[in-house]
Amino acid sequence: MATRQLFRRPPAGRRSVRQWLLLVAVAFVLLVFGMGLMSVLIDLPHTDLQALASGVRTFRFYGVLVQIALVGLVVLCWPWIVDAGQRRGIVARHEYEKVLGLRWTVAAFLAAYLLLVPIGPVTLYHFLAH
């Protein structure tokens, strides 16, 4: 009987050791990559760093547009997202209607995120001031 309990799959919602190890490995690779990138950037002269920053700044607008499109996609596909959550056991049967009705609350929180993080207060100020 003890061997049956030893080889049982973990309950739904719990990660196995293999998944945790994969997550830790990916985090470690990202950390090493970030440290390598920072060590390269710290050695750059100030003028090259300013040129790099202005070049990256031009792509910021496209990143904001992609995030706006993803937020719109989440709001449009909300019923499908809730259905997928119910199939995976994230949304219980008795919660389905309530979660389905949270579409515009989720849209409001995502709009607040867009205004505060990728767009930012400074961009909003410049947009409203001119």
C-alpha atoms as a PDB file:
ATOM      1  CA  MET A   1       0.000   0.000   0.000  1.00  0.00           C
ATOM      2  CA  ALA A   2       2.866   2.383   0.745  1.00  0.00           C
ATOM      3  CA  THR A   3       4.280   1.920  -2.757  1.00  0.00           C
ATOM      4  CA  ARG A   4       0.964   2.923  -4.316  1.00  0.00           C
ATOM      5  CA  GLN A   5       1.012   6.173  -2.386  1.00  0.00           C
ATOM      6  CA  LEU A   6       4.642   6.764  -3.316  1.00  0.00           C
ATOM      7  CA  PHE A   7       3.995   6.640  -7.066  1.00  0.00           C
ATOM      8  CA  ARG A   8       0.732   8.544  -7.116  1.00  0.00           C
ATOM      9  CA  ARG A   9       0.524  11.662  -9.260  1.00  0.00           C
ATOM     10  CA  PRO A  10       0.374  14.953  -7.357  1.00  0.00           C
ATOM     11  CA  PRO A  11      -3.097  16.490  -7.004  1.00  0.00           C
ATOM     12  CA  ALA A  12      -4.240  18.958  -9.631  1.00  0.00           C
ATOM     13  CA  GLY A  13      -2.772  22.393  -9.100  1.00  0.00           C
ATOM     14  CA  ARG A  14       0.448  21.128  -7.507  1.00  0.00           C
ATOM     15  CA  ARG A  15       3.689  21.114  -9.415  1.00  0.00           C
ATOM     16  CA  SER A  16       5.875  18.060  -9.551  1.00  0.00           C
ATOM     17  CA  VAL A  17       9.574  18.148  -8.675  1.00  0.00           C
ATOM     18  CA  ARG A  18      10.483  17.955 -12.372  1.00  0.00           C
ATOM     19  CA  GLN A  19       8.399  21.064 -13.114  1.00  0.00           C
ATOM     20  CA  TRP A  20      10.013  22.942 -10.235  1.00  0.00           C
ATOM     21  CA  LEU A  21      13.486  21.959 -11.422  1.00  0.00           C
ATOM     22  CA  LEU A  22      12.667  23.140 -14.937  1.00  0.00           C
ATOM     23  CA  LEU A  23      11.376  26.432 -13.544  1.00  0.00           C
ATOM     24  CA  VAL A  24      14.516  26.918 -11.454  1.00  0.00           C
ATOM     25  CA  ALA A  25      16.731  26.068 -14.458  1.00  0.00           C
ATOM     26  CA  VAL A  26      14.970  28.615 -16.666  1.00  0.00           C
ATOM     27  CA  ALA A  27      15.241  31.254 -13.939  1.00  0.00           C
ATOM     28  CA  PHE A  28      18.957  30.504 -13.554  1.00  0.00           C
ATOM     29  CA  VAL A  29      19.570  30.820 -17.310  1.00  0.00           C
ATOM     30  CA  LEU A  30      17.709  34.147 -17.367  1.00  0.00           C
ATOM     31  CA  LEU A  31      19.717  35.361 -14.384  1.00  0.00           C
ATOM     32  CA  VAL A  32      23.029  34.439 -16.024  1.00  0.00           C
ATOM     33  CA  PHE A  33      21.936  36.080 -19.283  1.00  0.00           C
ATOM     34  CA  GLY A  34      20.925  39.256 -17.447  1.00  0.00           C
ATOM     35  CA  MET A  35      24.199  39.373 -15.546  1.00  0.00           C
ATOM     36  CA  GLY A  36      26.142  38.959 -18.783  1.00  0.00           C
ATOM     37  CA  LEU A  37      24.144  41.718 -20.443  1.00  0.00           C
ATOM     38  CA  MET A  38      24.690  44.041 -17.498  1.00  0.00           C
ATOM     39  CA  SER A  39      28.441  43.360 -17.501  1.00  0.00           C
ATOM     40  CA  VAL A  40      28.582  44.322 -21.187  1.00  0.00           C
ATOM     41  CA  LEU A  41      26.494  47.456 -20.654  1.00  0.00           C
ATOM     42  CA  ILE A  42      28.544  48.637 -17.677  1.00  0.00           C
ATOM     43  CA  ASP A  43      31.691  48.703 -19.830  1.00  0.00           C
ATOM     44  CA  LEU A  44      30.129  50.828 -22.594  1.00  0.00           C
ATOM     45  CA  PRO A  45      31.112  54.492 -22.816  1.00  0.00           C
ATOM     46  CA  HIS A  46      28.454  56.994 -21.764  1.00  0.00           C
ATOM     47  CA  THR A  47      27.828  58.276 -25.313  1.00  0.00           C
ATOM     48  CA  ASP A  48      27.313  54.758 -26.682  1.00  0.00           C
ATOM     49  CA  LEU A  49      24.928  53.987 -23.851  1.00  0.00           C
ATOM     50  CA  GLN A  50      22.881  57.120 -24.626  1.00  0.00           C
ATOM     51  CA  ALA A  51      22.728  56.168 -28.315  1.00  0.00           C
ATOM     52  CA  LEU A  52      21.618  52.661 -27.378  1.00  0.00           C
ATOM     53  CA  ALA A  53      18.943  54.044 -25.039  1.00  0.00           C
ATOM     54  CA  SER A  54      17.557  56.366 -27.717  1.00  0.00           C
ATOM     55  CA  GLY A  55      17.484  53.466 -30.182  1.00  0.00           C
ATOM     56  CA  VAL A  56      15.586  51.280 -27.744  1.00  0.00           C
ATOM     57  CA  ARG A  57      13.207  54.159 -26.970  1.00  0.00           C
ATOM     58  CA  THR A  58      11.977  54.107 -30.581  1.00  0.00           C
ATOM     59  CA  PHE A  59      10.764  50.507 -30.148  1.00  0.00           C
ATOM     60  CA  ARG A  60       8.915  51.306 -26.921  1.00  0.00           C
ATOM     61  CA  PHE A  61       5.901  52.538 -28.877  1.00  0.00           C
ATOM     62  CA  TYR A  62       5.578  49.182 -30.653  1.00  0.00           C
ATOM     63  CA  GLY A  63       5.780  47.317 -27.356  1.00  0.00           C
ATOM     64  CA  VAL A  64       2.932  49.411 -25.981  1.00  0.00           C
ATOM     65  CA  LEU A  65       0.875  48.698 -29.110  1.00  0.00           C
ATOM     66  CA  VAL A  66       1.450  44.956 -28.735  1.00  0.00           C
ATOM     67  CA  GLN A  67       0.356  45.103 -25.088  1.00  0.00           C
ATOM     68  CA  ILE A  68      -2.770  47.074 -26.001  1.00  0.00           C
ATOM     69  CA  ALA A  69      -3.604  44.462 -28.635  1.00  0.00           C
ATOM     70  CA  LEU A  70      -3.120  41.648 -26.096  1.00  0.00           C
ATOM     71  CA  VAL A  71      -5.374  43.383 -23.576  1.00  0.00           C
ATOM     72  CA  GLY A  72      -8.033  43.776 -26.260  1.00  0.00           C
ATOM     73  CA  LEU A  73      -7.659  40.107 -27.137  1.00  0.00           C
ATOM     74  CA  VAL A  74      -8.121  39.097 -23.485  1.00  0.00           C
ATOM     75  CA  VAL A  75     -11.289  41.184 -23.220  1.00  0.00           C
ATOM     76  CA  LEU A  76     -12.676  39.853 -26.512  1.00  0.00           C
ATOM     77  CA  CYS A  77     -11.840  36.217 -25.736  1.00  0.00           C
ATOM     78  CA  TRP A  78     -12.898  36.340 -22.081  1.00  0.00           C
ATOM     79  CA  PRO A  79     -15.601  33.632 -22.420  1.00  0.00           C
ATOM     80  CA  TRP A  80     -13.094  31.268 -24.047  1.00  0.00           C
ATOM     81  CA  ILE A  81     -10.535  32.017 -21.324  1.00  0.00           C
ATOM     82  CA  VAL A  82     -13.107  31.245 -18.606  1.00  0.00           C
ATOM     83  CA  ASP A  83     -14.090  28.030 -20.411  1.00  0.00           C
ATOM     84  CA  ALA A  84     -10.445  26.968 -20.553  1.00  0.00           C
ATOM     85  CA  GLY A  85     -10.121  27.757 -16.841  1.00  0.00           C
ATOM     86  CA  GLN A  86     -13.133  25.614 -16.083  1.00  0.00           C
ATOM     87  CA  ARG A  87     -11.756  22.715 -18.129  1.00  0.00           C
ATOM     88  CA  ARG A  88      -8.464  22.895 -16.216  1.00  0.00           C
ATOM     89  CA  GLY A  89     -10.192  23.060 -12.855  1.00  0.00           C
ATOM     90  CA  ILE A  90      -9.253  26.685 -12.131  1.00  0.00           C
ATOM     91  CA  VAL A  91     -12.859  27.922 -12.302  1.00  0.00           C
ATOM     92  CA  ALA A  92     -15.362  25.816 -10.356  1.00  0.00           C
ATOM     93  CA  ARG A  93     -18.779  25.071 -11.803  1.00  0.00           C
ATOM     94  CA  HIS A  94     -20.577  27.245  -9.242  1.00  0.00           C
ATOM     95  CA  GLU A  95     -18.206  30.185 -10.007  1.00  0.00           C
ATOM     96  CA  TYR A  96     -18.585  30.076 -13.788  1.00  0.00           C
ATOM     97  CA  GLU A  97     -21.311  32.728 -14.203  1.00  0.00           C
ATOM     98  CA  LYS A  98     -19.698  35.080 -11.701  1.00  0.00           C
ATOM     99  CA  VAL A  99     -16.278  34.850 -13.369  1.00  0.00           C
ATOM    100  CA  LEU A 100     -17.875  35.283 -16.783  1.00  0.00           C
ATOM    101  CA  GLY A 101     -19.437  38.514 -15.505  1.00  0.00           C
ATOM    102  CA  LEU A 102     -16.044  39.881 -14.427  1.00  0.00           C
ATOM    103  CA  ARG A 103     -15.059  40.708 -18.018  1.00  0.00           C
ATOM    104  CA  TRP A 104     -15.307  44.482 -17.612  1.00  0.00           C
ATOM    105  CA  THR A 105     -13.661  44.437 -14.196  1.00  0.00           C
ATOM    106  CA  VAL A 106     -10.709  42.606 -15.744  1.00  0.00           C
ATOM    107  CA  ALA A 107     -10.747  45.116 -18.610  1.00  0.00           C
ATOM    108  CA  ALA A 108     -10.618  48.000 -16.124  1.00  0.00           C
ATOM    109  CA  PHE A 109      -7.674  46.490 -14.234  1.00  0.00           C
ATOM    110  CA  LEU A 110      -5.817  45.800 -17.480  1.00  0.00           C
ATOM    111  CA  ALA A 111      -6.466  49.373 -18.656  1.00  0.00           C
ATOM    112  CA  ALA A 112      -5.110  50.682 -15.347  1.00  0.00           C
ATOM    113  CA  TYR A 113      -2.035  48.480 -15.823  1.00  0.00           C
ATOM    114  CA  LEU A 114      -1.526  49.853 -19.335  1.00  0.00           C
ATOM    115  CA  LEU A 115      -1.817  53.440 -18.144  1.00  0.00           C
ATOM    116  CA  LEU A 116       0.509  52.997 -15.169  1.00  0.00           C
ATOM    117  CA  VAL A 117       3.232  50.660 -16.428  1.00  0.00           C
ATOM    118  CA  PRO A 118       3.940  50.563 -20.190  1.00  0.00           C
ATOM    119  CA  ILE A 119       2.481  53.962 -21.060  1.00  0.00           C
ATOM    120  CA  GLY A 120       3.427  55.606 -17.786  1.00  0.00           C
ATOM    121  CA  PRO A 121       2.513  58.852 -16.057  1.00  0.00           C
ATOM    122  CA  VAL A 122       5.156  60.907 -17.866  1.00  0.00           C
ATOM    123  CA  THR A 123       3.869  59.891 -21.301  1.00  0.00           C
ATOM    124  CA  LEU A 124       0.313  60.634 -20.209  1.00  0.00           C
ATOM    125  CA  TYR A 125       1.393  64.054 -18.954  1.00  0.00           C
ATOM    126  CA  HIS A 126       3.139  64.868 -22.248  1.00  0.00           C
ATOM    127  CA  PHE A 127       0.125  63.634 -24.206  1.00  0.00           C
ATOM    128  CA  LEU A 128      -2.371  65.666 -22.163  1.00  0.00           C
ATOM    129  CA  ALA A 129      -0.187  68.782 -21.922  1.00  0.00           C
ATOM    130  CA  HIS A 130       0.282  69.161 -25.671  1.00  0.00           C
END
